[in-house]
Amino acid sequence: MKQPKIIFLFVAIFATLSSCSDTPKDMLVNISVKGLKKGTVYLQKVEDSLIVNVDSIFVNTETPFSLEANIESPELFYLFLDRKSNNANDDRILFFGKKGTITIETSLENYFLGAKITGSSSQDILNEYQAMTKQFQNKRLELFQTYFEAEKANNKDTLAILSKASQNLEKRQLLYTINYAISNADSEVAPYLAITEFPALATSFLDTLQKSLSPKVKASKYGKMLEKYLSENAD
């Protein structure tokens, strides 16, 4: 007579454990990769300077799928698909994760460059910054090409002018980054840019930015990283 009770107890415990493991996580990423019929997709992030997997899924049909992760504050994630491309960065979609639902739509052929990410305000802010830095990069490539041609022609006057123009471009980009970060002090993108884009010589700007951050952002992952960096490099 006791056996049915024991069986019922085991079933109840198993059901409880199963319900705990099925608890939704903070962030849900809905993903669609046109042309992907078979492969493993990984959701990754950086921990202690290493890229680690936080979720993964094997797909064998061209249908949308989802990945999940717990997250305390907005931070960068990677959506990795090993396509065996020559450039490993082309296999990773970089995006700012947050609590809630994020949607990523892309294709197997144009996985990285063709990705459309919606549902993250931090991602929108990062996209705007990256669009501007791309303009700086294009201008830098133009200057490099002109400099190369002037160097072949041994035109020293032009080389001097181009060198000065290159230095001014670097200063303009730094000032743009600083102003952009300060103007978005209520976003976790601000301290992220500070610790990844500001040169070591810009400590005074970092201090100014850190003081302008909202309490919410100061308490975030990148806010804490910026505070730690400043405390370790204080005069």
C-alpha atoms as a PDB file:
ATOM      1  CA  MET A   1       0.000   0.000   0.000  1.00  0.00           C
ATOM      2  CA  LYS A   2       2.935   2.349   0.587  1.00  0.00           C
ATOM      3  CA  GLN A   3       4.403   1.905  -2.904  1.00  0.00           C
ATOM      4  CA  PRO A   4       1.849   4.135  -4.728  1.00  0.00           C
ATOM      5  CA  LYS A   5       2.587   6.938  -2.235  1.00  0.00           C
ATOM      6  CA  ILE A   6       6.335   6.628  -2.880  1.00  0.00           C
ATOM      7  CA  ILE A   7       5.789   6.687  -6.637  1.00  0.00           C
ATOM      8  CA  PHE A   8       3.551   9.735  -6.280  1.00  0.00           C
ATOM      9  CA  LEU A   9       6.248  11.458  -4.192  1.00  0.00           C
ATOM     10  CA  PHE A  10       8.897  10.885  -6.857  1.00  0.00           C
ATOM     11  CA  VAL A  11       6.562  12.152  -9.558  1.00  0.00           C
ATOM     12  CA  ALA A  12       5.818  15.283  -7.539  1.00  0.00           C
ATOM     13  CA  ILE A  13       9.532  15.985  -6.962  1.00  0.00           C
ATOM     14  CA  PHE A  14      10.316  15.435 -10.654  1.00  0.00           C
ATOM     15  CA  ALA A  15       7.496  17.763 -11.681  1.00  0.00           C
ATOM     16  CA  THR A  16       8.784  20.451  -9.291  1.00  0.00           C
ATOM     17  CA  LEU A  17      12.340  20.204 -10.617  1.00  0.00           C
ATOM     18  CA  SER A  18      11.112  20.275 -14.204  1.00  0.00           C
ATOM     19  CA  SER A  19       9.044  23.381 -13.601  1.00  0.00           C
ATOM     20  CA  CYS A  20      12.093  25.112 -12.036  1.00  0.00           C
ATOM     21  CA  SER A  21      14.302  24.265 -15.004  1.00  0.00           C
ATOM     22  CA  ASP A  22      11.645  25.587 -17.382  1.00  0.00           C
ATOM     23  CA  THR A  23      11.471  28.974 -15.642  1.00  0.00           C
ATOM     24  CA  PRO A  24      11.812  31.677 -18.309  1.00  0.00           C
ATOM     25  CA  LYS A  25      15.062  33.616 -18.196  1.00  0.00           C
ATOM     26  CA  ASP A  26      15.467  37.389 -18.235  1.00  0.00           C
ATOM     27  CA  MET A  27      16.233  37.722 -21.942  1.00  0.00           C
ATOM     28  CA  LEU A  28      14.587  35.936 -24.856  1.00  0.00           C
ATOM     29  CA  VAL A  29      16.236  36.218 -28.282  1.00  0.00           C
ATOM     30  CA  ASN A  30      14.004  35.258 -31.200  1.00  0.00           C
ATOM     31  CA  ILE A  31      16.141  34.439 -34.239  1.00  0.00           C
ATOM     32  CA  SER A  32      15.520  33.888 -37.926  1.00  0.00           C
ATOM     33  CA  VAL A  33      18.370  32.936 -40.286  1.00  0.00           C
ATOM     34  CA  LYS A  34      17.228  32.697 -43.889  1.00  0.00           C
ATOM     35  CA  GLY A  35      18.951  29.837 -45.681  1.00  0.00           C
ATOM     36  CA  LEU A  36      20.116  28.059 -42.518  1.00  0.00           C
ATOM     37  CA  LYS A  37      18.876  24.481 -42.721  1.00  0.00           C
ATOM     38  CA  LYS A  38      21.310  22.754 -40.385  1.00  0.00           C
ATOM     39  CA  GLY A  39      23.810  23.886 -37.784  1.00  0.00           C
ATOM     40  CA  THR A  40      24.392  24.934 -34.175  1.00  0.00           C
ATOM     41  CA  VAL A  41      23.862  28.517 -33.071  1.00  0.00           C
ATOM     42  CA  TYR A  42      25.422  29.769 -29.846  1.00  0.00           C
ATOM     43  CA  LEU A  43      24.487  32.693 -27.621  1.00  0.00           C
ATOM     44  CA  GLN A  44      27.742  33.985 -26.133  1.00  0.00           C
ATOM     45  CA  LYS A  45      29.110  36.779 -23.959  1.00  0.00           C
ATOM     46  CA  VAL A  46      32.431  37.851 -22.462  1.00  0.00           C
ATOM     47  CA  GLU A  47      33.318  36.782 -18.927  1.00  0.00           C
ATOM     48  CA  ASP A  48      36.767  37.463 -17.465  1.00  0.00           C
ATOM     49  CA  SER A  49      38.116  38.341 -20.934  1.00  0.00           C
ATOM     50  CA  LEU A  50      36.895  35.031 -22.383  1.00  0.00           C
ATOM     51  CA  ILE A  51      33.973  34.369 -24.716  1.00  0.00           C
ATOM     52  CA  VAL A  52      31.680  31.794 -23.089  1.00  0.00           C
ATOM     53  CA  ASN A  53      28.535  30.031 -24.286  1.00  0.00           C
ATOM     54  CA  VAL A  54      25.387  30.828 -22.312  1.00  0.00           C
ATOM     55  CA  ASP A  55      22.898  28.978 -24.520  1.00  0.00           C
ATOM     56  CA  SER A  56      22.862  27.023 -27.781  1.00  0.00           C
ATOM     57  CA  ILE A  57      20.528  25.222 -30.135  1.00  0.00           C
ATOM     58  CA  PHE A  58      20.945  22.732 -32.961  1.00  0.00           C
ATOM     59  CA  VAL A  59      18.684  23.570 -35.889  1.00  0.00           C
ATOM     60  CA  ASN A  60      17.864  21.243 -38.770  1.00  0.00           C
ATOM     61  CA  THR A  61      15.093  23.194 -40.437  1.00  0.00           C
ATOM     62  CA  GLU A  62      14.732  26.713 -41.787  1.00  0.00           C
ATOM     63  CA  THR A  63      12.351  27.958 -39.103  1.00  0.00           C
ATOM     64  CA  PRO A  64      12.714  30.664 -36.426  1.00  0.00           C
ATOM     65  CA  PHE A  65      14.151  29.604 -33.057  1.00  0.00           C
ATOM     66  CA  SER A  66      14.953  31.152 -29.669  1.00  0.00           C
ATOM     67  CA  LEU A  67      17.813  31.369 -27.176  1.00  0.00           C
ATOM     68  CA  GLU A  68      17.721  32.603 -23.593  1.00  0.00           C
ATOM     69  CA  ALA A  69      19.984  34.101 -20.940  1.00  0.00           C
ATOM     70  CA  ASN A  70      19.788  35.695 -17.525  1.00  0.00           C
ATOM     71  CA  ILE A  71      21.021  39.274 -17.467  1.00  0.00           C
ATOM     72  CA  GLU A  72      21.401  41.835 -14.688  1.00  0.00           C
ATOM     73  CA  SER A  73      21.924  44.916 -16.855  1.00  0.00           C
ATOM     74  CA  PRO A  74      22.269  45.591 -20.593  1.00  0.00           C
ATOM     75  CA  GLU A  75      25.485  44.134 -21.985  1.00  0.00           C
ATOM     76  CA  LEU A  76      26.965  42.843 -25.212  1.00  0.00           C
ATOM     77  CA  PHE A  77      26.231  39.367 -26.502  1.00  0.00           C
ATOM     78  CA  TYR A  78      27.306  37.419 -29.580  1.00  0.00           C
ATOM     79  CA  LEU A  79      25.151  35.219 -31.773  1.00  0.00           C
ATOM     80  CA  PHE A  80      27.714  32.767 -33.142  1.00  0.00           C
ATOM     81  CA  LEU A  81      27.262  30.468 -36.121  1.00  0.00           C
ATOM     82  CA  ASP A  82      30.366  28.648 -37.308  1.00  0.00           C
ATOM     83  CA  ARG A  83      30.161  28.986 -41.081  1.00  0.00           C
ATOM     84  CA  LYS A  84      33.877  28.231 -41.530  1.00  0.00           C
ATOM     85  CA  SER A  85      34.388  31.667 -43.100  1.00  0.00           C
ATOM     86  CA  ASN A  86      37.817  33.215 -43.569  1.00  0.00           C
ATOM     87  CA  ASN A  87      36.987  35.954 -41.058  1.00  0.00           C
ATOM     88  CA  ALA A  88      35.719  34.626 -37.713  1.00  0.00           C
ATOM     89  CA  ASN A  89      34.092  37.998 -36.978  1.00  0.00           C
ATOM     90  CA  ASP A  90      31.720  37.406 -39.895  1.00  0.00           C
ATOM     91  CA  ASP A  91      30.312  34.442 -37.953  1.00  0.00           C
ATOM     92  CA  ARG A  92      29.338  36.553 -34.930  1.00  0.00           C
ATOM     93  CA  ILE A  93      26.494  39.045 -34.656  1.00  0.00           C
ATOM     94  CA  LEU A  94      27.264  41.529 -31.901  1.00  0.00           C
ATOM     95  CA  PHE A  95      24.257  42.983 -30.086  1.00  0.00           C
ATOM     96  CA  PHE A  96      23.345  44.755 -26.863  1.00  0.00           C
ATOM     97  CA  GLY A  97      21.203  42.417 -24.809  1.00  0.00           C
ATOM     98  CA  LYS A  98      18.657  43.477 -22.212  1.00  0.00           C
ATOM     99  CA  LYS A  99      15.832  42.035 -20.150  1.00  0.00           C
ATOM    100  CA  GLY A 100      12.840  41.235 -22.322  1.00  0.00           C
ATOM    101  CA  THR A 101      12.546  40.090 -25.921  1.00  0.00           C
ATOM    102  CA  ILE A 102      14.989  40.860 -28.733  1.00  0.00           C
ATOM    103  CA  THR A 103      14.504  39.864 -32.361  1.00  0.00           C
ATOM    104  CA  ILE A 104      17.361  39.153 -34.768  1.00  0.00           C
ATOM    105  CA  GLU A 105      16.706  38.572 -38.466  1.00  0.00           C
ATOM    106  CA  THR A 106      19.514  37.735 -40.871  1.00  0.00           C
ATOM    107  CA  SER A 107      20.550  35.302 -43.610  1.00  0.00           C
ATOM    108  CA  LEU A 108      23.162  32.590 -43.952  1.00  0.00           C
ATOM    109  CA  GLU A 109      24.714  34.370 -46.936  1.00  0.00           C
ATOM    110  CA  ASN A 110      24.998  37.767 -45.253  1.00  0.00           C
ATOM    111  CA  TYR A 111      25.011  36.658 -41.624  1.00  0.00           C
ATOM    112  CA  PHE A 112      26.898  39.490 -39.912  1.00  0.00           C
ATOM    113  CA  LEU A 113      26.440  42.502 -42.179  1.00  0.00           C
ATOM    114  CA  GLY A 114      22.786  41.793 -42.973  1.00  0.00           C
ATOM    115  CA  ALA A 115      21.600  41.339 -39.387  1.00  0.00           C
ATOM    116  CA  LYS A 116      18.569  43.375 -38.303  1.00  0.00           C
ATOM    117  CA  ILE A 117      18.236  43.703 -34.529  1.00  0.00           C
ATOM    118  CA  THR A 118      15.108  45.079 -32.847  1.00  0.00           C
ATOM    119  CA  GLY A 119      13.856  45.336 -29.279  1.00  0.00           C
ATOM    120  CA  SER A 120      16.940  46.886 -27.650  1.00  0.00           C
ATOM    121  CA  SER A 121      17.201  50.657 -27.158  1.00  0.00           C
ATOM    122  CA  SER A 122      20.886  50.224 -26.279  1.00  0.00           C
ATOM    123  CA  GLN A 123      21.425  48.545 -29.641  1.00  0.00           C
ATOM    124  CA  ASP A 124      19.803  51.520 -31.393  1.00  0.00           C
ATOM    125  CA  ILE A 125      22.234  53.878 -29.641  1.00  0.00           C
ATOM    126  CA  LEU A 126      25.189  51.656 -30.529  1.00  0.00           C
ATOM    127  CA  ASN A 127      24.031  51.460 -34.164  1.00  0.00           C
ATOM    128  CA  GLU A 128      24.000  55.247 -34.439  1.00  0.00           C
ATOM    129  CA  TYR A 129      27.530  55.435 -33.059  1.00  0.00           C
ATOM    130  CA  GLN A 130      28.800  52.706 -35.379  1.00  0.00           C
ATOM    131  CA  ALA A 131      27.267  54.437 -38.407  1.00  0.00           C
ATOM    132  CA  MET A 132      29.256  57.573 -37.608  1.00  0.00           C
ATOM    133  CA  THR A 133      32.492  55.711 -36.917  1.00  0.00           C
ATOM    134  CA  LYS A 134      32.107  54.017 -40.286  1.00  0.00           C
ATOM    135  CA  GLN A 135      32.248  57.470 -41.870  1.00  0.00           C
ATOM    136  CA  PHE A 136      35.476  58.165 -39.990  1.00  0.00           C
ATOM    137  CA  GLN A 137      36.839  54.834 -41.180  1.00  0.00           C
ATOM    138  CA  ASN A 138      35.979  55.603 -44.809  1.00  0.00           C
ATOM    139  CA  LYS A 139      37.695  58.989 -44.527  1.00  0.00           C
ATOM    140  CA  ARG A 140      40.746  57.299 -43.008  1.00  0.00           C
ATOM    141  CA  LEU A 141      40.910  54.885 -45.954  1.00  0.00           C
ATOM    142  CA  GLU A 142      40.715  57.804 -48.390  1.00  0.00           C
ATOM    143  CA  LEU A 143      43.589  59.553 -46.628  1.00  0.00           C
ATOM    144  CA  PHE A 144      45.631  56.353 -46.636  1.00  0.00           C
ATOM    145  CA  GLN A 145      45.145  55.898 -50.369  1.00  0.00           C
ATOM    146  CA  THR A 146      46.119  59.505 -51.076  1.00  0.00           C
ATOM    147  CA  TYR A 147      49.113  59.216 -48.758  1.00  0.00           C
ATOM    148  CA  PHE A 148      50.263  56.049 -50.537  1.00  0.00           C
ATOM    149  CA  GLU A 149      50.085  57.795 -53.919  1.00  0.00           C
ATOM    150  CA  ALA A 150      51.957  60.854 -52.596  1.00  0.00           C
ATOM    151  CA  GLU A 151      54.612  58.611 -51.109  1.00  0.00           C
ATOM    152  CA  LYS A 152      55.190  56.903 -54.471  1.00  0.00           C
ATOM    153  CA  ALA A 153      55.531  60.324 -56.080  1.00  0.00           C
ATOM    154  CA  ASN A 154      57.852  61.443 -53.256  1.00  0.00           C
ATOM    155  CA  ASN A 155      55.689  64.530 -52.744  1.00  0.00           C
ATOM    156  CA  LYS A 156      56.896  65.613 -49.298  1.00  0.00           C
ATOM    157  CA  ASP A 157      54.636  68.667 -49.042  1.00  0.00           C
ATOM    158  CA  THR A 158      51.538  66.576 -49.669  1.00  0.00           C
ATOM    159  CA  LEU A 159      52.728  63.922 -47.232  1.00  0.00           C
ATOM    160  CA  ALA A 160      53.080  66.541 -44.499  1.00  0.00           C
ATOM    161  CA  ILE A 161      49.574  67.861 -45.169  1.00  0.00           C
ATOM    162  CA  LEU A 162      48.096  64.366 -45.159  1.00  0.00           C
ATOM    163  CA  SER A 163      49.855  63.455 -41.915  1.00  0.00           C
ATOM    164  CA  LYS A 164      48.370  66.522 -40.261  1.00  0.00           C
ATOM    165  CA  ALA A 165      44.940  65.702 -41.685  1.00  0.00           C
ATOM    166  CA  SER A 166      45.185  62.164 -40.299  1.00  0.00           C
ATOM    167  CA  GLN A 167      46.037  63.453 -36.827  1.00  0.00           C
ATOM    168  CA  ASN A 168      43.107  65.887 -36.943  1.00  0.00           C
ATOM    169  CA  LEU A 169      40.782  63.058 -37.998  1.00  0.00           C
ATOM    170  CA  GLU A 170      41.853  60.985 -35.003  1.00  0.00           C
ATOM    171  CA  LYS A 171      41.186  63.926 -32.677  1.00  0.00           C
ATOM    172  CA  ARG A 172      37.778  64.530 -34.248  1.00  0.00           C
ATOM    173  CA  GLN A 173      36.794  60.902 -33.795  1.00  0.00           C
ATOM    174  CA  LEU A 174      37.901  60.919 -30.159  1.00  0.00           C
ATOM    175  CA  LEU A 175      35.936  64.101 -29.461  1.00  0.00           C
ATOM    176  CA  TYR A 176      32.900  62.662 -31.207  1.00  0.00           C
ATOM    177  CA  THR A 177      33.107  59.493 -29.094  1.00  0.00           C
ATOM    178  CA  ILE A 178      33.476  61.499 -25.877  1.00  0.00           C
ATOM    179  CA  ASN A 179      30.556  63.810 -26.696  1.00  0.00           C
ATOM    180  CA  TYR A 180      28.395  60.906 -27.839  1.00  0.00           C
ATOM    181  CA  ALA A 181      29.047  58.954 -24.656  1.00  0.00           C
ATOM    182  CA  ILE A 182      28.310  61.965 -22.430  1.00  0.00           C
ATOM    183  CA  SER A 183      25.117  62.792 -24.341  1.00  0.00           C
ATOM    184  CA  ASN A 184      23.973  59.184 -23.742  1.00  0.00           C
ATOM    185  CA  ALA A 185      24.969  59.049 -20.074  1.00  0.00           C
ATOM    186  CA  ASP A 186      21.676  57.324 -19.221  1.00  0.00           C
ATOM    187  CA  SER A 187      22.571  54.344 -21.425  1.00  0.00           C
ATOM    188  CA  GLU A 188      24.926  51.455 -20.686  1.00  0.00           C
ATOM    189  CA  VAL A 189      26.451  52.153 -24.101  1.00  0.00           C
ATOM    190  CA  ALA A 190      28.228  55.181 -22.582  1.00  0.00           C
ATOM    191  CA  PRO A 191      30.560  53.302 -20.201  1.00  0.00           C
ATOM    192  CA  TYR A 192      30.979  50.548 -22.789  1.00  0.00           C
ATOM    193  CA  LEU A 193      32.342  53.098 -25.271  1.00  0.00           C
ATOM    194  CA  ALA A 194      34.511  54.585 -22.550  1.00  0.00           C
ATOM    195  CA  ILE A 195      36.284  51.324 -21.745  1.00  0.00           C
ATOM    196  CA  THR A 196      36.592  50.149 -25.349  1.00  0.00           C
ATOM    197  CA  GLU A 197      37.019  53.295 -27.470  1.00  0.00           C
ATOM    198  CA  PHE A 198      38.767  55.868 -25.275  1.00  0.00           C
ATOM    199  CA  PRO A 199      42.592  55.749 -25.396  1.00  0.00           C
ATOM    200  CA  ALA A 200      44.532  55.412 -22.138  1.00  0.00           C
ATOM    201  CA  LEU A 201      45.562  59.073 -22.369  1.00  0.00           C
ATOM    202  CA  ALA A 202      41.926  60.196 -22.093  1.00  0.00           C
ATOM    203  CA  THR A 203      41.634  59.456 -18.365  1.00  0.00           C
ATOM    204  CA  SER A 204      40.399  62.977 -17.602  1.00  0.00           C
ATOM    205  CA  PHE A 205      37.549  62.520 -20.100  1.00  0.00           C
ATOM    206  CA  LEU A 206      36.731  59.152 -18.553  1.00  0.00           C
ATOM    207  CA  ASP A 207      36.423  60.780 -15.148  1.00  0.00           C
ATOM    208  CA  THR A 208      34.109  63.444 -16.552  1.00  0.00           C
ATOM    209  CA  LEU A 209      31.951  60.789 -18.194  1.00  0.00           C
ATOM    210  CA  GLN A 210      31.813  58.626 -15.078  1.00  0.00           C
ATOM    211  CA  LYS A 211      30.498  61.556 -13.044  1.00  0.00           C
ATOM    212  CA  SER A 212      27.785  62.239 -15.643  1.00  0.00           C
ATOM    213  CA  LEU A 213      26.417  58.668 -15.652  1.00  0.00           C
ATOM    214  CA  SER A 214      22.990  58.059 -14.156  1.00  0.00           C
ATOM    215  CA  PRO A 215      22.851  55.935 -10.957  1.00  0.00           C
ATOM    216  CA  LYS A 216      21.325  53.077 -12.978  1.00  0.00           C
ATOM    217  CA  VAL A 217      24.197  53.069 -15.450  1.00  0.00           C
ATOM    218  CA  LYS A 218      26.848  53.427 -12.730  1.00  0.00           C
ATOM    219  CA  ALA A 219      25.477  50.241 -11.149  1.00  0.00           C
ATOM    220  CA  SER A 220      25.560  48.321 -14.461  1.00  0.00           C
ATOM    221  CA  LYS A 221      28.265  45.898 -15.589  1.00  0.00           C
ATOM    222  CA  TYR A 222      30.098  48.450 -17.727  1.00  0.00           C
ATOM    223  CA  GLY A 223      29.540  51.236 -15.200  1.00  0.00           C
ATOM    224  CA  LYS A 224      31.299  49.150 -12.555  1.00  0.00           C
ATOM    225  CA  MET A 225      34.104  48.283 -14.990  1.00  0.00           C
ATOM    226  CA  LEU A 226      34.669  51.983 -15.713  1.00  0.00           C
ATOM    227  CA  GLU A 227      34.700  52.832 -12.000  1.00  0.00           C
ATOM    228  CA  LYS A 228      37.208  50.045 -11.350  1.00  0.00           C
ATOM    229  CA  TYR A 229      39.455  51.228 -14.188  1.00  0.00           C
ATOM    230  CA  LEU A 230      39.461  54.794 -12.873  1.00  0.00           C
ATOM    231  CA  SER A 231      40.204  53.714  -9.295  1.00  0.00           C
ATOM    232  CA  GLU A 232      43.108  51.558 -10.477  1.00  0.00           C
ATOM    233  CA  ASN A 233      44.561  54.375 -12.585  1.00  0.00           C
ATOM    234  CA  ALA A 234      43.976  57.258 -10.206  1.00  0.00           C
ATOM    235  CA  ASP A 235      46.905  59.597  -9.639  1.00  0.00           C
END
